[in-house]
Amino acid sequence: LALQTLIDGTVMQTGNTADLIFDVAALIRALAAVTPLRSGDLIITGTPAGVGFTRNPPRFLQAGEHCEVRIEGIGSLINPVSAN
């Protein structure tokens, strides 16, 4: 599945689940063996290339921006950035 992170509509990161060290099914099996998984749980696996502090110049989120994470075939999660 294609993955994207956007800040105010600008693509900052792109990736694909094919880039994971372990495939999605293997991650779910391993986690389910040690903890109950429930609807709505998130499995966080890391971040694709393009993370803000590695950019030249570094890029950090600013209050008032919107961060969107898209996963092909699943949808988007959009969060406002707050100073608090």
PDB file of N, CA and C in Angstrom:
ATOM      1  N   LEU A   1       0.841  -1.183   0.000  1.00  0.00           N
ATOM      2  CA  LEU A   1       0.000   0.000   0.000  1.00  0.00           C
ATOM      3  C   LEU A   1       0.881   1.239   0.000  1.00  0.00           C
ATOM      4  N   ALA A   2       0.505   2.220  -0.801  1.00  0.00           N
ATOM      5  CA  ALA A   2       1.236   3.487  -0.832  1.00  0.00           C
ATOM      6  C   ALA A   2       0.913   4.295   0.429  1.00  0.00           C
ATOM      7  N   LEU A   3       1.920   4.971   0.950  1.00  0.00           N
ATOM      8  CA  LEU A   3       1.793   5.808   2.137  1.00  0.00           C
ATOM      9  C   LEU A   3       2.296   7.202   1.799  1.00  0.00           C
ATOM     10  N   GLN A   4       1.631   8.231   2.324  1.00  0.00           N
ATOM     11  CA  GLN A   4       2.091   9.606   2.140  1.00  0.00           C
ATOM     12  C   GLN A   4       1.851  10.400   3.411  1.00  0.00           C
ATOM     13  N   THR A   5       2.760  11.325   3.692  1.00  0.00           N
ATOM     14  CA  THR A   5       2.559  12.327   4.732  1.00  0.00           C
ATOM     15  C   THR A   5       2.588  13.685   4.054  1.00  0.00           C
ATOM     16  N   LEU A   6       1.575  14.498   4.323  1.00  0.00           N
ATOM     17  CA  LEU A   6       1.464  15.831   3.731  1.00  0.00           C
ATOM     18  C   LEU A   6       1.348  16.865   4.844  1.00  0.00           C
ATOM     19  N   ILE A   7       1.946  18.028   4.619  1.00  0.00           N
ATOM     20  CA  ILE A   7       1.772  19.167   5.500  1.00  0.00           C
ATOM     21  C   ILE A   7       1.085  20.250   4.671  1.00  0.00           C
ATOM     22  N   ASP A   8      -0.107  20.621   5.089  1.00  0.00           N
ATOM     23  CA  ASP A   8      -0.898  21.609   4.353  1.00  0.00           C
ATOM     24  C   ASP A   8      -0.943  21.309   2.855  1.00  0.00           C
ATOM     25  N   GLY A   9      -1.109  20.030   2.519  1.00  0.00           N
ATOM     26  CA  GLY A   9      -1.271  19.615   1.128  1.00  0.00           C
ATOM     27  C   GLY A   9       0.020  19.361   0.376  1.00  0.00           C
ATOM     28  N   THR A  10       1.169  19.661   0.973  1.00  0.00           N
ATOM     29  CA  THR A  10       2.465  19.422   0.335  1.00  0.00           C
ATOM     30  C   THR A  10       3.010  18.066   0.770  1.00  0.00           C
ATOM     31  N   VAL A  11       3.311  17.194  -0.178  1.00  0.00           N
ATOM     32  CA  VAL A  11       3.835  15.865   0.140  1.00  0.00           C
ATOM     33  C   VAL A  11       5.234  16.005   0.724  1.00  0.00           C
ATOM     34  N   MET A  12       5.414  15.474   1.927  1.00  0.00           N
ATOM     35  CA  MET A  12       6.698  15.529   2.623  1.00  0.00           C
ATOM     36  C   MET A  12       7.377  14.156   2.670  1.00  0.00           C
ATOM     37  N   GLN A  13       6.585  13.100   2.665  1.00  0.00           N
ATOM     38  CA  GLN A  13       7.114  11.740   2.726  1.00  0.00           C
ATOM     39  C   GLN A  13       6.267  10.834   1.846  1.00  0.00           C
ATOM     40  N   THR A  14       6.924   9.881   1.209  1.00  0.00           N
ATOM     41  CA  THR A  14       6.222   8.821   0.489  1.00  0.00           C
ATOM     42  C   THR A  14       6.888   7.503   0.836  1.00  0.00           C
ATOM     43  N   GLY A  15       6.093   6.472   0.870  1.00  0.00           N
ATOM     44  CA  GLY A  15       6.620   5.143   1.157  1.00  0.00           C
ATOM     45  C   GLY A  15       5.623   4.096   0.698  1.00  0.00           C
ATOM     46  N   ASN A  16       5.919   2.868   1.041  1.00  0.00           N
ATOM     47  CA  ASN A  16       5.056   1.763   0.656  1.00  0.00           C
ATOM     48  C   ASN A  16       5.223   0.655   1.686  1.00  0.00           C
ATOM     49  N   THR A  17       4.139  -0.058   1.971  1.00  0.00           N
ATOM     50  CA  THR A  17       4.252  -1.161   2.927  1.00  0.00           C
ATOM     51  C   THR A  17       5.218  -2.238   2.434  1.00  0.00           C
ATOM     52  N   ALA A  18       5.489  -2.268   1.136  1.00  0.00           N
ATOM     53  CA  ALA A  18       6.468  -3.222   0.601  1.00  0.00           C
ATOM     54  C   ALA A  18       7.872  -2.922   1.108  1.00  0.00           C
ATOM     55  N   ASP A  19       8.098  -1.696   1.618  1.00  0.00           N
ATOM     56  CA  ASP A  19       9.410  -1.308   2.138  1.00  0.00           C
ATOM     57  C   ASP A  19       9.635  -1.759   3.572  1.00  0.00           C
ATOM     58  N   LEU A  20       8.594  -2.259   4.231  1.00  0.00           N
ATOM     59  CA  LEU A  20       8.731  -2.711   5.619  1.00  0.00           C
ATOM     60  C   LEU A  20       9.663  -3.924   5.701  1.00  0.00           C
ATOM     61  N   ILE A  21      10.395  -4.024   6.797  1.00  0.00           N
ATOM     62  CA  ILE A  21      11.261  -5.188   7.016  1.00  0.00           C
ATOM     63  C   ILE A  21      10.413  -6.452   7.163  1.00  0.00           C
ATOM     64  N   PHE A  22       9.322  -6.345   7.910  1.00  0.00           N
ATOM     65  CA  PHE A  22       8.376  -7.450   8.083  1.00  0.00           C
ATOM     66  C   PHE A  22       7.066  -7.038   7.438  1.00  0.00           C
ATOM     67  N   ASP A  23       6.405  -7.961   6.726  1.00  0.00           N
ATOM     68  CA  ASP A  23       5.149  -7.589   6.084  1.00  0.00           C
ATOM     69  C   ASP A  23       4.044  -7.393   7.123  1.00  0.00           C
ATOM     70  N   VAL A  24       2.965  -6.750   6.699  1.00  0.00           N
ATOM     71  CA  VAL A  24       1.887  -6.383   7.609  1.00  0.00           C
ATOM     72  C   VAL A  24       1.315  -7.607   8.325  1.00  0.00           C
ATOM     73  N   ALA A  25       1.076  -8.686   7.609  1.00  0.00           N
ATOM     74  CA  ALA A  25       0.517  -9.898   8.229  1.00  0.00           C
ATOM     75  C   ALA A  25       1.442 -10.436   9.314  1.00  0.00           C
ATOM     76  N   ALA A  26       2.753 -10.440   9.067  1.00  0.00           N
ATOM     77  CA  ALA A  26       3.716 -10.930  10.061  1.00  0.00           C
ATOM     78  C   ALA A  26       3.712 -10.034  11.300  1.00  0.00           C
ATOM     79  N   LEU A  27       3.604  -8.729  11.107  1.00  0.00           N
ATOM     80  CA  LEU A  27       3.545  -7.814  12.256  1.00  0.00           C
ATOM     81  C   LEU A  27       2.309  -8.076  13.104  1.00  0.00           C
ATOM     82  N   ILE A  28       1.168  -8.255  12.444  1.00  0.00           N
ATOM     83  CA  ILE A  28      -0.074  -8.513  13.175  1.00  0.00           C
ATOM     84  C   ILE A  28       0.014  -9.835  13.936  1.00  0.00           C
ATOM     85  N   ARG A  29       0.540 -10.875  13.288  1.00  0.00           N
ATOM     86  CA  ARG A  29       0.691 -12.178  13.962  1.00  0.00           C
ATOM     87  C   ARG A  29       1.586 -12.059  15.196  1.00  0.00           C
ATOM     88  N   ALA A  30       2.718 -11.388  15.056  1.00  0.00           N
ATOM     89  CA  ALA A  30       3.669 -11.266  16.170  1.00  0.00           C
ATOM     90  C   ALA A  30       3.062 -10.476  17.323  1.00  0.00           C
ATOM     91  N   LEU A  31       2.386  -9.390  17.013  1.00  0.00           N
ATOM     92  CA  LEU A  31       1.778  -8.593  18.076  1.00  0.00           C
ATOM     93  C   LEU A  31       0.616  -9.324  18.740  1.00  0.00           C
ATOM     94  N   ALA A  32      -0.211  -9.985  17.943  1.00  0.00           N
ATOM     95  CA  ALA A  32      -1.360 -10.706  18.490  1.00  0.00           C
ATOM     96  C   ALA A  32      -0.927 -11.858  19.393  1.00  0.00           C
ATOM     97  N   ALA A  33       0.277 -12.345  19.200  1.00  0.00           N
ATOM     98  CA  ALA A  33       0.779 -13.440  20.043  1.00  0.00           C
ATOM     99  C   ALA A  33       1.128 -12.963  21.451  1.00  0.00           C
ATOM    100  N   VAL A  34       1.340 -11.654  21.621  1.00  0.00           N
ATOM    101  CA  VAL A  34       1.769 -11.159  22.935  1.00  0.00           C
ATOM    102  C   VAL A  34       0.808 -10.149  23.563  1.00  0.00           C
ATOM    103  N   THR A  35      -0.163  -9.644  22.770  1.00  0.00           N
ATOM    104  CA  THR A  35      -1.114  -8.680  23.321  1.00  0.00           C
ATOM    105  C   THR A  35      -2.416  -8.740  22.538  1.00  0.00           C
ATOM    106  N   PRO A  36      -3.522  -8.515  23.199  1.00  0.00           N
ATOM    107  CA  PRO A  36      -4.782  -8.490  22.459  1.00  0.00           C
ATOM    108  C   PRO A  36      -4.829  -7.282  21.530  1.00  0.00           C
ATOM    109  N   LEU A  37      -5.285  -7.481  20.319  1.00  0.00           N
ATOM    110  CA  LEU A  37      -5.480  -6.381  19.379  1.00  0.00           C
ATOM    111  C   LEU A  37      -6.970  -6.122  19.249  1.00  0.00           C
ATOM    112  N   ARG A  38      -7.344  -4.853  19.331  1.00  0.00           N
ATOM    113  CA  ARG A  38      -8.752  -4.480  19.268  1.00  0.00           C
ATOM    114  C   ARG A  38      -8.991  -3.534  18.103  1.00  0.00           C
ATOM    115  N   SER A  39     -10.229  -3.471  17.672  1.00  0.00           N
ATOM    116  CA  SER A  39     -10.610  -2.541  16.621  1.00  0.00           C
ATOM    117  C   SER A  39     -10.188  -1.129  17.018  1.00  0.00           C
ATOM    118  N   GLY A  40      -9.531  -0.440  16.101  1.00  0.00           N
ATOM    119  CA  GLY A  40      -9.075   0.921  16.366  1.00  0.00           C
ATOM    120  C   GLY A  40      -7.633   1.003  16.830  1.00  0.00           C
ATOM    121  N   ASP A  41      -7.018  -0.127  17.190  1.00  0.00           N
ATOM    122  CA  ASP A  41      -5.605  -0.118  17.582  1.00  0.00           C
ATOM    123  C   ASP A  41      -4.741   0.301  16.401  1.00  0.00           C
ATOM    124  N   LEU A  42      -3.666   1.006  16.669  1.00  0.00           N
ATOM    125  CA  LEU A  42      -2.695   1.395  15.655  1.00  0.00           C
ATOM    126  C   LEU A  42      -1.405   0.628  15.875  1.00  0.00           C
ATOM    127  N   ILE A  43      -0.785   0.205  14.804  1.00  0.00           N
ATOM    128  CA  ILE A  43       0.534  -0.428  14.852  1.00  0.00           C
ATOM    129  C   ILE A  43       1.496   0.545  14.185  1.00  0.00           C
ATOM    130  N   ILE A  44       2.388   1.098  14.984  1.00  0.00           N
ATOM    131  CA  ILE A  44       3.326   2.107  14.490  1.00  0.00           C
ATOM    132  C   ILE A  44       4.631   1.397  14.143  1.00  0.00           C
ATOM    133  N   THR A  45       5.086   1.585  12.894  1.00  0.00           N
ATOM    134  CA  THR A  45       6.246   0.821  12.413  1.00  0.00           C
ATOM    135  C   THR A  45       7.467   1.675  12.097  1.00  0.00           C
ATOM    136  N   GLY A  46       7.350   2.988  12.171  1.00  0.00           N
ATOM    137  CA  GLY A  46       8.472   3.849  11.822  1.00  0.00           C
ATOM    138  C   GLY A  46       8.036   4.885  10.817  1.00  0.00           C
ATOM    139  N   THR A  47       8.991   5.446  10.098  1.00  0.00           N
ATOM    140  CA  THR A  47       8.681   6.540   9.182  1.00  0.00           C
ATOM    141  C   THR A  47       9.481   6.415   7.896  1.00  0.00           C
ATOM    142  N   PRO A  48       8.885   6.757   6.756  1.00  0.00           N
ATOM    143  CA  PRO A  48       9.646   6.750   5.504  1.00  0.00           C
ATOM    144  C   PRO A  48      10.688   7.876   5.487  1.00  0.00           C
ATOM    145  N   ALA A  49      11.549   7.851   4.507  1.00  0.00           N
ATOM    146  CA  ALA A  49      12.539   8.917   4.336  1.00  0.00           C
ATOM    147  C   ALA A  49      11.824  10.257   4.192  1.00  0.00           C
ATOM    148  N   GLY A  50      12.486  11.316   4.651  1.00  0.00           N
ATOM    149  CA  GLY A  50      11.939  12.660   4.518  1.00  0.00           C
ATOM    150  C   GLY A  50      11.543  13.286   5.835  1.00  0.00           C
ATOM    151  N   VAL A  51      11.871  12.611   6.951  1.00  0.00           N
ATOM    152  CA  VAL A  51      11.532  13.150   8.264  1.00  0.00           C
ATOM    153  C   VAL A  51      12.188  14.526   8.428  1.00  0.00           C
ATOM    154  N   GLY A  52      11.478  15.443   9.094  1.00  0.00           N
ATOM    155  CA  GLY A  52      11.836  16.854   9.144  1.00  0.00           C
ATOM    156  C   GLY A  52      13.249  17.200   9.562  1.00  0.00           C
ATOM    157  N   PHE A  53      13.764  16.589  10.629  1.00  0.00           N
ATOM    158  CA  PHE A  53      15.084  16.992  11.116  1.00  0.00           C
ATOM    159  C   PHE A  53      16.217  16.552  10.193  1.00  0.00           C
ATOM    160  N   THR A  54      15.951  15.631   9.265  1.00  0.00           N
ATOM    161  CA  THR A  54      16.999  15.193   8.333  1.00  0.00           C
ATOM    162  C   THR A  54      17.017  16.030   7.056  1.00  0.00           C
ATOM    163  N   ARG A  55      16.030  16.902   6.880  1.00  0.00           N
ATOM    164  CA  ARG A  55      15.968  17.753   5.687  1.00  0.00           C
ATOM    165  C   ARG A  55      17.002  18.870   5.785  1.00  0.00           C
ATOM    166  N   ASN A  56      17.356  19.431   4.630  1.00  0.00           N
ATOM    167  CA  ASN A  56      18.299  20.536   4.600  1.00  0.00           C
ATOM    168  C   ASN A  56      17.640  21.711   3.883  1.00  0.00           C
ATOM    169  N   PRO A  57      17.174  22.725   4.589  1.00  0.00           N
ATOM    170  CA  PRO A  57      17.244  22.908   6.040  1.00  0.00           C
ATOM    171  C   PRO A  57      16.205  22.041   6.746  1.00  0.00           C
ATOM    172  N   PRO A  58      16.399  21.807   8.045  1.00  0.00           N
ATOM    173  CA  PRO A  58      15.425  21.011   8.799  1.00  0.00           C
ATOM    174  C   PRO A  58      14.025  21.624   8.705  1.00  0.00           C
ATOM    175  N   ARG A  59      13.014  20.767   8.744  1.00  0.00           N
ATOM    176  CA  ARG A  59      11.618  21.212   8.639  1.00  0.00           C
ATOM    177  C   ARG A  59      10.841  20.653   9.814  1.00  0.00           C
ATOM    178  N   PHE A  60      10.264  21.533  10.619  1.00  0.00           N
ATOM    179  CA  PHE A  60       9.491  21.122  11.778  1.00  0.00           C
ATOM    180  C   PHE A  60       8.059  21.617  11.641  1.00  0.00           C
ATOM    181  N   LEU A  61       7.130  20.899  12.236  1.00  0.00           N
ATOM    182  CA  LEU A  61       5.731  21.301  12.209  1.00  0.00           C
ATOM    183  C   LEU A  61       5.547  22.622  12.943  1.00  0.00           C
ATOM    184  N   GLN A  62       4.630  23.444  12.428  1.00  0.00           N
ATOM    185  CA  GLN A  62       4.337  24.743  13.025  1.00  0.00           C
ATOM    186  C   GLN A  62       2.861  24.799  13.412  1.00  0.00           C
ATOM    187  N   ALA A  63       2.575  25.507  14.503  1.00  0.00           N
ATOM    188  CA  ALA A  63       1.188  25.689  14.936  1.00  0.00           C
ATOM    189  C   ALA A  63       0.367  26.251  13.781  1.00  0.00           C
ATOM    190  N   GLY A  64      -0.828  25.710  13.600  1.00  0.00           N
ATOM    191  CA  GLY A  64      -1.733  26.160  12.546  1.00  0.00           C
ATOM    192  C   GLY A  64      -1.672  25.300  11.291  1.00  0.00           C
ATOM    193  N   GLU A  65      -0.615  24.505  11.138  1.00  0.00           N
ATOM    194  CA  GLU A  65      -0.521  23.609   9.983  1.00  0.00           C
ATOM    195  C   GLU A  65      -1.417  22.393  10.200  1.00  0.00           C
ATOM    196  N   HIS A  66      -1.641  21.651   9.117  1.00  0.00           N
ATOM    197  CA  HIS A  66      -2.389  20.395   9.188  1.00  0.00           C
ATOM    198  C   HIS A  66      -1.504  19.275   8.651  1.00  0.00           C
ATOM    199  N   CYS A  67      -1.386  18.205   9.428  1.00  0.00           N
ATOM    200  CA  CYS A  67      -0.599  17.041   9.035  1.00  0.00           C
ATOM    201  C   CYS A  67      -1.566  15.932   8.620  1.00  0.00           C
ATOM    202  N   GLU A  68      -1.378  15.448   7.399  1.00  0.00           N
ATOM    203  CA  GLU A  68      -2.241  14.396   6.859  1.00  0.00           C
ATOM    204  C   GLU A  68      -1.402  13.167   6.542  1.00  0.00           C
ATOM    205  N   VAL A  69      -1.873  12.016   6.977  1.00  0.00           N
ATOM    206  CA  VAL A  69      -1.243  10.747   6.639  1.00  0.00           C
ATOM    207  C   VAL A  69      -2.248   9.956   5.819  1.00  0.00           C
ATOM    208  N   ARG A  70      -1.838   9.546   4.605  1.00  0.00           N
ATOM    209  CA  ARG A  70      -2.707   8.791   3.698  1.00  0.00           C
ATOM    210  C   ARG A  70      -2.190   7.371   3.538  1.00  0.00           C
ATOM    211  N   ILE A  71      -3.119   6.430   3.549  1.00  0.00           N
ATOM    212  CA  ILE A  71      -2.785   5.039   3.266  1.00  0.00           C
ATOM    213  C   ILE A  71      -3.720   4.571   2.160  1.00  0.00           C
ATOM    214  N   GLU A  72      -3.111   4.139   1.069  1.00  0.00           N
ATOM    215  CA  GLU A  72      -3.864   3.691  -0.110  1.00  0.00           C
ATOM    216  C   GLU A  72      -4.926   2.661   0.274  1.00  0.00           C
ATOM    217  N   GLY A  73      -6.133   2.883  -0.180  1.00  0.00           N
ATOM    218  CA  GLY A  73      -7.206   1.935   0.052  1.00  0.00           C
ATOM    219  C   GLY A  73      -7.816   1.998   1.441  1.00  0.00           C
ATOM    220  N   ILE A  74      -7.239   2.792   2.341  1.00  0.00           N
ATOM    221  CA  ILE A  74      -7.765   2.898   3.703  1.00  0.00           C
ATOM    222  C   ILE A  74      -8.335   4.288   3.946  1.00  0.00           C
ATOM    223  N   GLY A  75      -7.548   5.318   3.644  1.00  0.00           N
ATOM    224  CA  GLY A  75      -8.024   6.675   3.836  1.00  0.00           C
ATOM    225  C   GLY A  75      -6.950   7.570   4.402  1.00  0.00           C
ATOM    226  N   SER A  76      -7.409   8.692   4.973  1.00  0.00           N
ATOM    227  CA  SER A  76      -6.517   9.712   5.506  1.00  0.00           C
ATOM    228  C   SER A  76      -6.826   9.995   6.959  1.00  0.00           C
ATOM    229  N   LEU A  77      -5.795  10.368   7.697  1.00  0.00           N
ATOM    230  CA  LEU A  77      -5.924  10.884   9.052  1.00  0.00           C
ATOM    231  C   LEU A  77      -5.335  12.277   9.010  1.00  0.00           C
ATOM    232  N   ILE A  78      -6.137  13.289   9.354  1.00  0.00           N
ATOM    233  CA  ILE A  78      -5.694  14.679   9.309  1.00  0.00           C
ATOM    234  C   ILE A  78      -5.783  15.269  10.711  1.00  0.00           C
ATOM    235  N   ASN A  79      -4.654  15.827  11.157  1.00  0.00           N
ATOM    236  CA  ASN A  79      -4.608  16.441  12.491  1.00  0.00           C
ATOM    237  C   ASN A  79      -4.091  17.860  12.400  1.00  0.00           C
ATOM    238  N   PRO A  80      -4.733  18.784  13.125  1.00  0.00           N
ATOM    239  CA  PRO A  80      -4.197  20.130  13.207  1.00  0.00           C
ATOM    240  C   PRO A  80      -2.992  20.139  14.142  1.00  0.00           C
ATOM    241  N   VAL A  81      -2.054  21.034  13.866  1.00  0.00           N
ATOM    242  CA  VAL A  81      -0.864  21.180  14.712  1.00  0.00           C
ATOM    243  C   VAL A  81      -1.127  22.348  15.650  1.00  0.00           C
ATOM    244  N   SER A  82      -0.899  22.112  16.942  1.00  0.00           N
ATOM    245  CA  SER A  82      -1.133  23.127  17.965  1.00  0.00           C
ATOM    246  C   SER A  82       0.167  23.409  18.714  1.00  0.00           C
ATOM    247  N   ALA A  83       0.297  24.615  19.218  1.00  0.00           N
ATOM    248  CA  ALA A  83       1.471  24.980  20.005  1.00  0.00           C
ATOM    249  C   ALA A  83       1.409  24.371  21.404  1.00  0.00           C
ATOM    250  N   ASN A  84       0.248  23.918  21.813  1.00  0.00           N
ATOM    251  CA  ASN A  84       0.084  23.369  23.168  1.00  0.00           C
ATOM    252  C   ASN A  84       0.160  21.885  23.182  1.00  0.00           C
TER     253      ASN A  84
END
